[in-house]
Amino acid sequence: MPVYTFTVVIEKDEDGRFLAVCPALQGCYTEGDTEQEALEMIQDAVKLHLEDRLQMHEPIYEEVGVSKVKVEL
């Protein structure tokens, strides 16, 4: 069984909830009450997303890299 690795971004919103997004998989995101809950939920969301793509014979794109950008205002 293949193993995939994806970058996940977790942000805290103005209501104190944690939003988890997998940028490489368009539309793959979730939220939770804690950072840990959001991380667990995004893992499930990524798995379901990949299973659907494989079932539909759609490609799974490979991440090329991750960078942080510093912008001064």
N, C-alpha and C. Protein backbone atom coordinates (compact mmCIF):
# COMPACT_ATOMS: atom_id res chain seq x y z
N MET A 1 0.85 -1.18 0.00
CA MET A 1 0.00 0.00 0.00
C MET A 1 0.90 1.24 0.00
N PRO A 2 0.67 2.17 -0.93
CA PRO A 2 1.52 3.37 -0.99
C PRO A 2 1.29 4.29 0.21
N VAL A 3 2.34 5.02 0.55
CA VAL A 3 2.28 6.01 1.63
C VAL A 3 2.51 7.38 1.02
N TYR A 4 1.65 8.32 1.33
CA TYR A 4 1.75 9.68 0.80
C TYR A 4 2.05 10.65 1.95
N THR A 5 2.80 11.68 1.66
CA THR A 5 3.11 12.70 2.64
C THR A 5 2.71 14.05 2.09
N PHE A 6 1.94 14.80 2.87
CA PHE A 6 1.47 16.11 2.44
C PHE A 6 1.70 17.14 3.54
N THR A 7 1.87 18.37 3.12
CA THR A 7 1.97 19.49 4.04
C THR A 7 0.56 19.86 4.50
N VAL A 8 0.43 20.14 5.79
CA VAL A 8 -0.83 20.59 6.37
C VAL A 8 -0.56 21.90 7.08
N VAL A 9 -1.44 22.86 6.88
CA VAL A 9 -1.33 24.16 7.54
C VAL A 9 -2.48 24.26 8.54
N ILE A 10 -2.14 24.63 9.78
CA ILE A 10 -3.16 24.79 10.82
C ILE A 10 -3.14 26.25 11.28
N GLU A 11 -4.31 26.86 11.23
CA GLU A 11 -4.46 28.25 11.66
C GLU A 11 -5.54 28.33 12.72
N LYS A 12 -5.43 29.33 13.59
CA LYS A 12 -6.45 29.56 14.61
C LYS A 12 -7.28 30.76 14.17
N ASP A 13 -8.63 30.58 14.11
CA ASP A 13 -9.48 31.67 13.64
C ASP A 13 -9.88 32.59 14.79
N GLU A 14 -10.64 33.63 14.45
CA GLU A 14 -11.02 34.64 15.43
C GLU A 14 -11.93 34.10 16.53
N ASP A 15 -12.56 32.95 16.29
CA ASP A 15 -13.43 32.33 17.30
C ASP A 15 -12.69 31.31 18.16
N GLY A 16 -11.39 31.14 17.90
CA GLY A 16 -10.59 30.21 18.69
C GLY A 16 -10.58 28.79 18.17
N ARG A 17 -11.23 28.54 17.02
CA ARG A 17 -11.22 27.21 16.42
C ARG A 17 -9.99 27.05 15.53
N PHE A 18 -9.60 25.82 15.30
CA PHE A 18 -8.42 25.53 14.51
C PHE A 18 -8.83 24.99 13.14
N LEU A 19 -8.35 25.66 12.09
CA LEU A 19 -8.63 25.28 10.72
C LEU A 19 -7.40 24.56 10.17
N ALA A 20 -7.60 23.37 9.62
CA ALA A 20 -6.52 22.59 9.02
C ALA A 20 -6.78 22.46 7.53
N VAL A 21 -5.75 22.78 6.74
CA VAL A 21 -5.85 22.77 5.28
C VAL A 21 -4.69 21.98 4.70
N CYS A 22 -4.98 21.18 3.68
CA CYS A 22 -3.95 20.50 2.91
C CYS A 22 -3.88 21.20 1.55
N PRO A 23 -2.94 22.15 1.38
CA PRO A 23 -2.91 22.96 0.15
C PRO A 23 -2.76 22.16 -1.15
N ALA A 24 -2.10 21.02 -1.10
CA ALA A 24 -1.88 20.24 -2.32
C ALA A 24 -3.15 19.56 -2.82
N LEU A 25 -4.15 19.43 -1.95
CA LEU A 25 -5.39 18.75 -2.32
C LEU A 25 -6.52 19.76 -2.26
N GLN A 26 -6.85 20.30 -3.39
CA GLN A 26 -7.84 21.37 -3.48
C GLN A 26 -9.14 20.99 -2.78
N GLY A 27 -9.58 21.86 -1.89
CA GLY A 27 -10.83 21.64 -1.18
C GLY A 27 -10.72 20.71 0.02
N CYS A 28 -9.52 20.30 0.37
CA CYS A 28 -9.32 19.38 1.49
C CYS A 28 -8.98 20.19 2.74
N TYR A 29 -9.99 20.38 3.58
CA TYR A 29 -9.80 21.14 4.82
C TYR A 29 -10.83 20.70 5.85
N THR A 30 -10.57 21.04 7.09
CA THR A 30 -11.48 20.73 8.19
C THR A 30 -11.17 21.66 9.34
N GLU A 31 -11.91 21.55 10.43
CA GLU A 31 -11.63 22.36 11.60
C GLU A 31 -11.93 21.57 12.85
N GLY A 32 -11.35 22.03 13.97
CA GLY A 32 -11.56 21.37 15.24
C GLY A 32 -11.47 22.36 16.38
N ASP A 33 -11.85 21.90 17.56
CA ASP A 33 -11.80 22.75 18.75
C ASP A 33 -10.39 22.93 19.27
N THR A 34 -9.51 21.95 18.98
CA THR A 34 -8.12 22.03 19.41
C THR A 34 -7.22 21.77 18.20
N GLU A 35 -5.95 22.12 18.34
CA GLU A 35 -4.99 21.87 17.26
C GLU A 35 -4.88 20.37 17.00
N GLN A 36 -4.85 19.57 18.05
CA GLN A 36 -4.74 18.12 17.90
C GLN A 36 -5.97 17.54 17.20
N GLU A 37 -7.15 18.03 17.56
CA GLU A 37 -8.37 17.55 16.91
C GLU A 37 -8.36 17.91 15.43
N ALA A 38 -7.95 19.12 15.10
CA ALA A 38 -7.88 19.54 13.70
C ALA A 38 -6.89 18.67 12.92
N LEU A 39 -5.76 18.35 13.54
CA LEU A 39 -4.75 17.51 12.89
C LEU A 39 -5.29 16.11 12.64
N GLU A 40 -5.97 15.54 13.62
CA GLU A 40 -6.55 14.20 13.44
C GLU A 40 -7.62 14.22 12.35
N MET A 41 -8.42 15.27 12.34
CA MET A 41 -9.50 15.35 11.35
C MET A 41 -8.96 15.55 9.93
N ILE A 42 -7.87 16.33 9.78
CA ILE A 42 -7.33 16.54 8.44
C ILE A 42 -6.69 15.25 7.92
N GLN A 43 -6.14 14.44 8.81
CA GLN A 43 -5.60 13.16 8.38
C GLN A 43 -6.71 12.29 7.79
N ASP A 44 -7.86 12.27 8.44
CA ASP A 44 -9.01 11.53 7.90
C ASP A 44 -9.47 12.14 6.58
N ALA A 45 -9.53 13.46 6.50
CA ALA A 45 -9.97 14.14 5.28
C ALA A 45 -9.03 13.84 4.11
N VAL A 46 -7.73 13.85 4.37
CA VAL A 46 -6.74 13.55 3.32
C VAL A 46 -6.91 12.11 2.85
N LYS A 47 -7.09 11.19 3.78
CA LYS A 47 -7.26 9.79 3.40
C LYS A 47 -8.49 9.62 2.51
N LEU A 48 -9.61 10.21 2.91
CA LEU A 48 -10.83 10.11 2.10
C LEU A 48 -10.65 10.76 0.73
N HIS A 49 -9.97 11.90 0.70
CA HIS A 49 -9.72 12.61 -0.55
C HIS A 49 -8.90 11.72 -1.50
N LEU A 50 -7.84 11.12 -0.97
CA LEU A 50 -6.98 10.27 -1.80
C LEU A 50 -7.73 9.02 -2.28
N GLU A 51 -8.51 8.41 -1.40
CA GLU A 51 -9.29 7.23 -1.80
C GLU A 51 -10.25 7.57 -2.93
N ASP A 52 -10.89 8.74 -2.84
CA ASP A 52 -11.80 9.16 -3.91
C ASP A 52 -11.06 9.38 -5.22
N ARG A 53 -9.90 10.04 -5.14
CA ARG A 53 -9.12 10.30 -6.37
C ARG A 53 -8.68 8.98 -7.02
N LEU A 54 -8.22 8.05 -6.20
CA LEU A 54 -7.79 6.77 -6.75
C LEU A 54 -8.96 6.01 -7.36
N GLN A 55 -10.10 6.04 -6.70
CA GLN A 55 -11.29 5.36 -7.21
C GLN A 55 -11.73 5.96 -8.55
N MET A 56 -11.57 7.26 -8.71
CA MET A 56 -11.97 7.95 -9.94
C MET A 56 -10.85 7.95 -10.99
N HIS A 57 -9.73 7.26 -10.68
CA HIS A 57 -8.55 7.18 -11.57
C HIS A 57 -7.99 8.58 -11.87
N GLU A 58 -8.04 9.44 -10.88
CA GLU A 58 -7.48 10.79 -11.01
C GLU A 58 -6.06 10.80 -10.45
N PRO A 59 -5.20 11.65 -10.97
CA PRO A 59 -3.82 11.68 -10.48
C PRO A 59 -3.72 12.25 -9.07
N ILE A 60 -2.70 11.81 -8.37
CA ILE A 60 -2.37 12.39 -7.07
C ILE A 60 -1.06 13.13 -7.27
N TYR A 61 -1.14 14.43 -7.16
CA TYR A 61 0.02 15.26 -7.44
C TYR A 61 1.03 15.22 -6.29
N GLU A 62 2.29 15.29 -6.65
CA GLU A 62 3.37 15.28 -5.68
C GLU A 62 3.77 16.71 -5.35
N GLU A 63 3.93 16.99 -4.07
CA GLU A 63 4.39 18.31 -3.67
C GLU A 63 5.83 18.49 -4.13
N VAL A 64 6.14 19.67 -4.62
CA VAL A 64 7.49 19.95 -5.09
C VAL A 64 8.33 20.58 -3.98
N GLY A 65 7.71 21.42 -3.18
CA GLY A 65 8.44 22.06 -2.09
C GLY A 65 7.54 22.94 -1.28
N VAL A 66 8.06 23.34 -0.14
CA VAL A 66 7.35 24.23 0.76
C VAL A 66 8.30 25.34 1.16
N SER A 67 7.84 26.56 1.08
CA SER A 67 8.67 27.70 1.46
C SER A 67 7.87 28.67 2.29
N LYS A 68 8.54 29.36 3.17
CA LYS A 68 7.93 30.47 3.88
C LYS A 68 8.42 31.74 3.22
N VAL A 69 7.54 32.71 3.10
CA VAL A 69 7.88 33.98 2.47
C VAL A 69 7.74 35.07 3.53
N LYS A 70 8.75 35.88 3.66
CA LYS A 70 8.72 36.99 4.60
C LYS A 70 8.44 38.27 3.82
N VAL A 71 7.40 38.99 4.23
CA VAL A 71 7.01 40.21 3.55
C VAL A 71 7.02 41.35 4.56
N GLU A 72 7.73 42.39 4.25
CA GLU A 72 7.80 43.53 5.15
C GLU A 72 6.88 44.63 4.64
N LEU A 73 6.07 45.17 5.52
CA LEU A 73 5.15 46.25 5.15
C LEU A 73 5.53 47.53 5.87
